Amino acid sequence: MSRRLLIAWACLIATVVSVGAARPATAADVAAQTCASFSPAAAVRSESLASFEAVTPRRLVDTRDGTGGVAQPVGAGCTLRIDVDVAAVPADAGAVALSVTALGSQPGFLTVFPCASGLPDTSNINTRAGGFPTPNLVVAIPDANRRVCIYSLFEADVIVDLTGWWTEDGEHHLTTVAP
């Protein structure tokens, strides 16, 4: 299966520097926002996963206060990239459970996807006008680089909390399907 990568133009809006030994690293240290044109999504490998490991919700990104390294709303047509490895997600985790909340001034949507797969045609969160919080639970599959991307149709603040992950070991299986 070939993966379609990021194409056309890219403008890095926010960059996060690596963290020194003075404090523990979290996924909040490796979030970045990119405005780019994506190719259509390539099919993502369907995995059978088991053994959901729930964790106390861990805030990875909050663009309102800069948690995660991005201190501004995700721009219209832009993508927020999150590195799940830094959030202490095990290397064998095939999917992560995220609580994603959008706060936008106009109706729009957010799409969560493996960064290297390309932007899919579906949305995970349909935002409301007026800055009302619009949350949703999202099961996301990190790409080979262990990154998850969140595309925003219109400008919106984005809050992402990690609530758990799935691995291949265990009794209860989750199987993904194409939308």
C-alpha atoms as a PDB file:
ATOM      1  CA  MET A   1       0.000   0.000   0.000  1.00  0.00           C
ATOM      2  CA  SER A   2       1.443   3.387  -0.877  1.00  0.00           C
ATOM      3  CA  ARG A   3       1.013   6.279   1.490  1.00  0.00           C
ATOM      4  CA  ARG A   4       0.282   9.687   0.113  1.00  0.00           C
ATOM      5  CA  LEU A   5       2.272  12.273   1.909  1.00  0.00           C
ATOM      6  CA  LEU A   6       1.795  15.927   2.503  1.00  0.00           C
ATOM      7  CA  ILE A   7       1.918  17.814  -0.819  1.00  0.00           C
ATOM      8  CA  ALA A   8       1.765  21.325  -2.254  1.00  0.00           C
ATOM      9  CA  TRP A   9       2.686  24.171   0.081  1.00  0.00           C
ATOM     10  CA  ALA A  10       3.325  24.148   3.775  1.00  0.00           C
ATOM     11  CA  CYS A  11       3.750  26.996   6.192  1.00  0.00           C
ATOM     12  CA  LEU A  12       4.854  26.055   9.668  1.00  0.00           C
ATOM     13  CA  ILE A  13       3.027  28.365  12.044  1.00  0.00           C
ATOM     14  CA  ALA A  14       4.241  26.992  15.350  1.00  0.00           C
ATOM     15  CA  THR A  15       7.314  24.982  16.212  1.00  0.00           C
ATOM     16  CA  VAL A  16       8.051  23.242  19.465  1.00  0.00           C
ATOM     17  CA  VAL A  17      11.573  22.766  20.694  1.00  0.00           C
ATOM     18  CA  SER A  18      12.829  19.609  22.351  1.00  0.00           C
ATOM     19  CA  VAL A  19      12.601  19.372  26.108  1.00  0.00           C
ATOM     20  CA  GLY A  20      15.646  19.242  28.326  1.00  0.00           C
ATOM     21  CA  ALA A  21      16.047  16.920  31.277  1.00  0.00           C
ATOM     22  CA  ALA A  22      14.689  19.504  33.722  1.00  0.00           C
ATOM     23  CA  ARG A  23      11.076  18.355  33.343  1.00  0.00           C
ATOM     24  CA  PRO A  24       9.396  15.197  32.070  1.00  0.00           C
ATOM     25  CA  ALA A  25       8.453  15.210  28.409  1.00  0.00           C
ATOM     26  CA  THR A  26       4.799  15.109  27.469  1.00  0.00           C
ATOM     27  CA  ALA A  27       2.988  15.122  24.130  1.00  0.00           C
ATOM     28  CA  ALA A  28       2.392  18.776  24.867  1.00  0.00           C
ATOM     29  CA  ASP A  29       6.028  19.376  23.985  1.00  0.00           C
ATOM     30  CA  VAL A  30       5.691  18.266  20.362  1.00  0.00           C
ATOM     31  CA  ALA A  31       2.526  19.764  18.946  1.00  0.00           C
ATOM     32  CA  ALA A  32       2.789  21.920  15.847  1.00  0.00           C
ATOM     33  CA  GLN A  33       0.380  23.555  13.430  1.00  0.00           C
ATOM     34  CA  THR A  34       0.802  23.412   9.660  1.00  0.00           C
ATOM     35  CA  CYS A  35      -1.304  24.972   6.922  1.00  0.00           C
ATOM     36  CA  ALA A  36      -1.020  22.651   3.951  1.00  0.00           C
ATOM     37  CA  SER A  37      -2.843  21.034   1.099  1.00  0.00           C
ATOM     38  CA  PHE A  38      -3.296  17.299   1.592  1.00  0.00           C
ATOM     39  CA  SER A  39      -3.739  14.637  -1.024  1.00  0.00           C
ATOM     40  CA  PRO A  40      -6.821  12.442  -0.636  1.00  0.00           C
ATOM     41  CA  ALA A  41      -6.504   9.811   2.051  1.00  0.00           C
ATOM     42  CA  ALA A  42      -4.863   6.533   1.282  1.00  0.00           C
ATOM     43  CA  ALA A  43      -6.420   3.459   2.824  1.00  0.00           C
ATOM     44  CA  VAL A  44      -5.236   2.911   6.374  1.00  0.00           C
ATOM     45  CA  ARG A  45      -4.318  -0.608   7.386  1.00  0.00           C
ATOM     46  CA  SER A  46      -7.096  -2.195   9.401  1.00  0.00           C
ATOM     47  CA  GLU A  47      -5.765  -3.609  12.649  1.00  0.00           C
ATOM     48  CA  SER A  48      -7.353  -5.852  15.192  1.00  0.00           C
ATOM     49  CA  LEU A  49      -6.521  -4.409  18.589  1.00  0.00           C
ATOM     50  CA  ALA A  50      -7.192  -5.551  22.104  1.00  0.00           C
ATOM     51  CA  SER A  51      -6.399  -4.667  25.666  1.00  0.00           C
ATOM     52  CA  PHE A  52      -7.610  -1.118  26.077  1.00  0.00           C
ATOM     53  CA  GLU A  53      -5.529   0.653  28.696  1.00  0.00           C
ATOM     54  CA  ALA A  54      -7.485   3.535  30.212  1.00  0.00           C
ATOM     55  CA  VAL A  55      -5.502   6.338  31.802  1.00  0.00           C
ATOM     56  CA  THR A  56      -6.429   9.368  33.841  1.00  0.00           C
ATOM     57  CA  PRO A  57      -7.105  11.960  31.129  1.00  0.00           C
ATOM     58  CA  ARG A  58      -3.880  13.723  30.202  1.00  0.00           C
ATOM     59  CA  ARG A  59      -4.082  17.144  28.518  1.00  0.00           C
ATOM     60  CA  LEU A  60      -1.905  17.049  25.402  1.00  0.00           C
ATOM     61  CA  VAL A  61      -2.950  20.270  23.668  1.00  0.00           C
ATOM     62  CA  ASP A  62      -4.962  23.357  24.564  1.00  0.00           C
ATOM     63  CA  THR A  63      -4.484  26.111  22.006  1.00  0.00           C
ATOM     64  CA  ARG A  64      -6.179  28.632  24.322  1.00  0.00           C
ATOM     65  CA  ASP A  65      -3.315  28.638  26.823  1.00  0.00           C
ATOM     66  CA  GLY A  66      -0.416  27.145  24.853  1.00  0.00           C
ATOM     67  CA  THR A  67      -0.454  23.678  26.402  1.00  0.00           C
ATOM     68  CA  GLY A  68       1.293  21.519  23.820  1.00  0.00           C
ATOM     69  CA  GLY A  69       3.288  24.334  22.307  1.00  0.00           C
ATOM     70  CA  VAL A  70       0.610  25.921  20.120  1.00  0.00           C
ATOM     71  CA  ALA A  71      -0.738  29.113  21.695  1.00  0.00           C
ATOM     72  CA  GLN A  72      -3.193  30.169  18.993  1.00  0.00           C
ATOM     73  CA  PRO A  73      -6.294  28.703  17.362  1.00  0.00           C
ATOM     74  CA  VAL A  74      -5.791  26.197  14.567  1.00  0.00           C
ATOM     75  CA  GLY A  75      -6.230  28.287  11.428  1.00  0.00           C
ATOM     76  CA  ALA A  76      -8.789  27.691   8.695  1.00  0.00           C
ATOM     77  CA  GLY A  77      -7.503  24.876   6.495  1.00  0.00           C
ATOM     78  CA  CYS A  78      -4.644  24.142   8.888  1.00  0.00           C
ATOM     79  CA  THR A  79      -3.593  20.967  10.652  1.00  0.00           C
ATOM     80  CA  LEU A  80      -2.410  20.375  14.215  1.00  0.00           C
ATOM     81  CA  ARG A  81       0.189  17.585  14.465  1.00  0.00           C
ATOM     82  CA  ILE A  82       0.593  15.647  17.735  1.00  0.00           C
ATOM     83  CA  ASP A  83       3.418  13.199  18.510  1.00  0.00           C
ATOM     84  CA  VAL A  84       1.876  10.480  20.712  1.00  0.00           C
ATOM     85  CA  ASP A  85       5.246   8.960  21.692  1.00  0.00           C
ATOM     86  CA  VAL A  86       6.032  11.883  23.943  1.00  0.00           C
ATOM     87  CA  ALA A  87       2.745  11.304  25.821  1.00  0.00           C
ATOM     88  CA  ALA A  88       4.119   8.024  27.207  1.00  0.00           C
ATOM     89  CA  VAL A  89       1.939   5.969  24.849  1.00  0.00           C
ATOM     90  CA  PRO A  90       3.601   2.548  24.460  1.00  0.00           C
ATOM     91  CA  ALA A  91       5.353   1.876  21.156  1.00  0.00           C
ATOM     92  CA  ASP A  92       3.084  -1.122  20.503  1.00  0.00           C
ATOM     93  CA  ALA A  93      -0.132   0.916  20.840  1.00  0.00           C
ATOM     94  CA  GLY A  94      -1.975   0.695  17.528  1.00  0.00           C
ATOM     95  CA  ALA A  95      -4.655   3.252  18.396  1.00  0.00           C
ATOM     96  CA  VAL A  96      -5.251   5.990  20.958  1.00  0.00           C
ATOM     97  CA  ALA A  97      -8.434   7.269  22.575  1.00  0.00           C
ATOM     98  CA  LEU A  98      -8.613  11.051  22.487  1.00  0.00           C
ATOM     99  CA  SER A  99     -11.158  13.466  23.844  1.00  0.00           C
ATOM    100  CA  VAL A 100     -11.066  16.272  21.262  1.00  0.00           C
ATOM    101  CA  THR A 101     -12.923  19.541  21.851  1.00  0.00           C
ATOM    102  CA  ALA A 102     -13.325  22.397  19.355  1.00  0.00           C
ATOM    103  CA  LEU A 103     -14.277  25.987  20.151  1.00  0.00           C
ATOM    104  CA  GLY A 104     -14.999  27.926  16.967  1.00  0.00           C
ATOM    105  CA  SER A 105     -16.740  31.172  16.135  1.00  0.00           C
ATOM    106  CA  GLN A 106     -18.457  29.666  13.089  1.00  0.00           C
ATOM    107  CA  PRO A 107     -19.764  26.231  12.089  1.00  0.00           C
ATOM    108  CA  GLY A 108     -17.124  23.895  10.720  1.00  0.00           C
ATOM    109  CA  PHE A 109     -15.493  20.552  11.434  1.00  0.00           C
ATOM    110  CA  LEU A 110     -12.351  18.821  12.680  1.00  0.00           C
ATOM    111  CA  THR A 111     -10.941  15.657  11.135  1.00  0.00           C
ATOM    112  CA  VAL A 112      -8.529  13.436  13.109  1.00  0.00           C
ATOM    113  CA  PHE A 113      -6.305  11.126  11.044  1.00  0.00           C
ATOM    114  CA  PRO A 114      -2.868   9.454  10.815  1.00  0.00           C
ATOM    115  CA  CYS A 115      -0.660  12.284   9.507  1.00  0.00           C
ATOM    116  CA  ALA A 116       1.025  10.261   6.750  1.00  0.00           C
ATOM    117  CA  SER A 117      -2.231   8.835   5.351  1.00  0.00           C
ATOM    118  CA  GLY A 118      -3.656  12.041   3.877  1.00  0.00           C
ATOM    119  CA  LEU A 119      -6.843  13.862   4.776  1.00  0.00           C
ATOM    120  CA  PRO A 120      -9.929  11.595   4.737  1.00  0.00           C
ATOM    121  CA  ASP A 121     -13.352  12.701   3.469  1.00  0.00           C
ATOM    122  CA  THR A 122     -15.025  12.361   6.873  1.00  0.00           C
ATOM    123  CA  SER A 123     -15.112  14.515  10.002  1.00  0.00           C
ATOM    124  CA  ASN A 124     -14.907  13.578  13.678  1.00  0.00           C
ATOM    125  CA  ILE A 125     -16.301  16.765  15.191  1.00  0.00           C
ATOM    126  CA  ASN A 126     -18.838  19.185  13.727  1.00  0.00           C
ATOM    127  CA  THR A 127     -18.343  22.530  15.436  1.00  0.00           C
ATOM    128  CA  ARG A 128     -21.014  25.007  16.447  1.00  0.00           C
ATOM    129  CA  ALA A 129     -20.929  28.774  16.044  1.00  0.00           C
ATOM    130  CA  GLY A 130     -20.515  31.135  18.944  1.00  0.00           C
ATOM    131  CA  GLY A 131     -17.510  29.557  20.654  1.00  0.00           C
ATOM    132  CA  PHE A 132     -19.522  26.797  22.325  1.00  0.00           C
ATOM    133  CA  PRO A 133     -17.362  23.788  23.199  1.00  0.00           C
ATOM    134  CA  THR A 134     -18.001  20.814  20.915  1.00  0.00           C
ATOM    135  CA  PRO A 135     -16.372  17.633  22.301  1.00  0.00           C
ATOM    136  CA  ASN A 136     -16.144  14.125  20.902  1.00  0.00           C
ATOM    137  CA  LEU A 137     -14.354  10.873  21.684  1.00  0.00           C
ATOM    138  CA  VAL A 138     -12.048   9.945  18.817  1.00  0.00           C
ATOM    139  CA  VAL A 139     -10.211   6.664  18.257  1.00  0.00           C
ATOM    140  CA  ALA A 140      -7.136   7.596  16.233  1.00  0.00           C
ATOM    141  CA  ILE A 141      -4.480   5.435  14.608  1.00  0.00           C
ATOM    142  CA  PRO A 142      -1.020   7.014  14.761  1.00  0.00           C
ATOM    143  CA  ASP A 143       1.014   6.865  11.543  1.00  0.00           C
ATOM    144  CA  ALA A 144       4.395   5.118  11.255  1.00  0.00           C
ATOM    145  CA  ASN A 145       6.040   8.218  12.784  1.00  0.00           C
ATOM    146  CA  ARG A 146       3.638   7.943  15.773  1.00  0.00           C
ATOM    147  CA  ARG A 147       1.795  11.140  14.830  1.00  0.00           C
ATOM    148  CA  VAL A 148      -1.887  12.025  14.745  1.00  0.00           C
ATOM    149  CA  CYS A 149      -3.112  15.081  12.821  1.00  0.00           C
ATOM    150  CA  ILE A 150      -6.203  17.240  13.388  1.00  0.00           C
ATOM    151  CA  TYR A 151      -7.436  19.276  10.397  1.00  0.00           C
ATOM    152  CA  SER A 152      -9.749  22.271  10.975  1.00  0.00           C
ATOM    153  CA  LEU A 153     -12.029  23.632   8.246  1.00  0.00           C
ATOM    154  CA  PHE A 154     -12.404  27.010  10.018  1.00  0.00           C
ATOM    155  CA  GLU A 155     -10.341  28.676  12.726  1.00  0.00           C
ATOM    156  CA  ALA A 156     -10.954  27.022  16.094  1.00  0.00           C
ATOM    157  CA  ASP A 157      -9.290  26.505  19.440  1.00  0.00           C
ATOM    158  CA  VAL A 158      -8.605  22.814  19.971  1.00  0.00           C
ATOM    159  CA  ILE A 159      -8.266  20.854  23.216  1.00  0.00           C
ATOM    160  CA  VAL A 160      -6.956  17.275  23.138  1.00  0.00           C
ATOM    161  CA  ASP A 161      -6.895  14.900  26.113  1.00  0.00           C
ATOM    162  CA  LEU A 162      -5.419  11.393  25.951  1.00  0.00           C
ATOM    163  CA  THR A 163      -7.744   8.904  27.690  1.00  0.00           C
ATOM    164  CA  GLY A 164      -6.102   5.590  26.757  1.00  0.00           C
ATOM    165  CA  TRP A 165      -4.759   3.314  24.033  1.00  0.00           C
ATOM    166  CA  TRP A 166      -5.135  -0.134  22.505  1.00  0.00           C
ATOM    167  CA  THR A 167      -2.498  -2.799  21.918  1.00  0.00           C
ATOM    168  CA  GLU A 168      -2.685  -6.204  20.218  1.00  0.00           C
ATOM    169  CA  ASP A 169      -2.526  -8.126  23.516  1.00  0.00           C
ATOM    170  CA  GLY A 170      -5.680  -8.870  25.482  1.00  0.00           C
ATOM    171  CA  GLU A 171      -9.221 -10.213  25.324  1.00  0.00           C
ATOM    172  CA  HIS A 172     -11.322  -7.406  23.845  1.00  0.00           C
ATOM    173  CA  HIS A 173     -10.685  -6.629  20.182  1.00  0.00           C
ATOM    174  CA  LEU A 174     -11.347  -3.417  18.283  1.00  0.00           C
ATOM    175  CA  THR A 175     -11.303  -3.687  14.483  1.00  0.00           C
ATOM    176  CA  THR A 176     -11.214  -0.552  12.379  1.00  0.00           C
ATOM    177  CA  VAL A 177     -13.151  -0.188   9.143  1.00  0.00           C
ATOM    178  CA  ALA A 178     -12.928   2.325   6.327  1.00  0.00           C
ATOM    179  CA  PRO A 179     -15.521   5.112   6.678  1.00  0.00           C
END
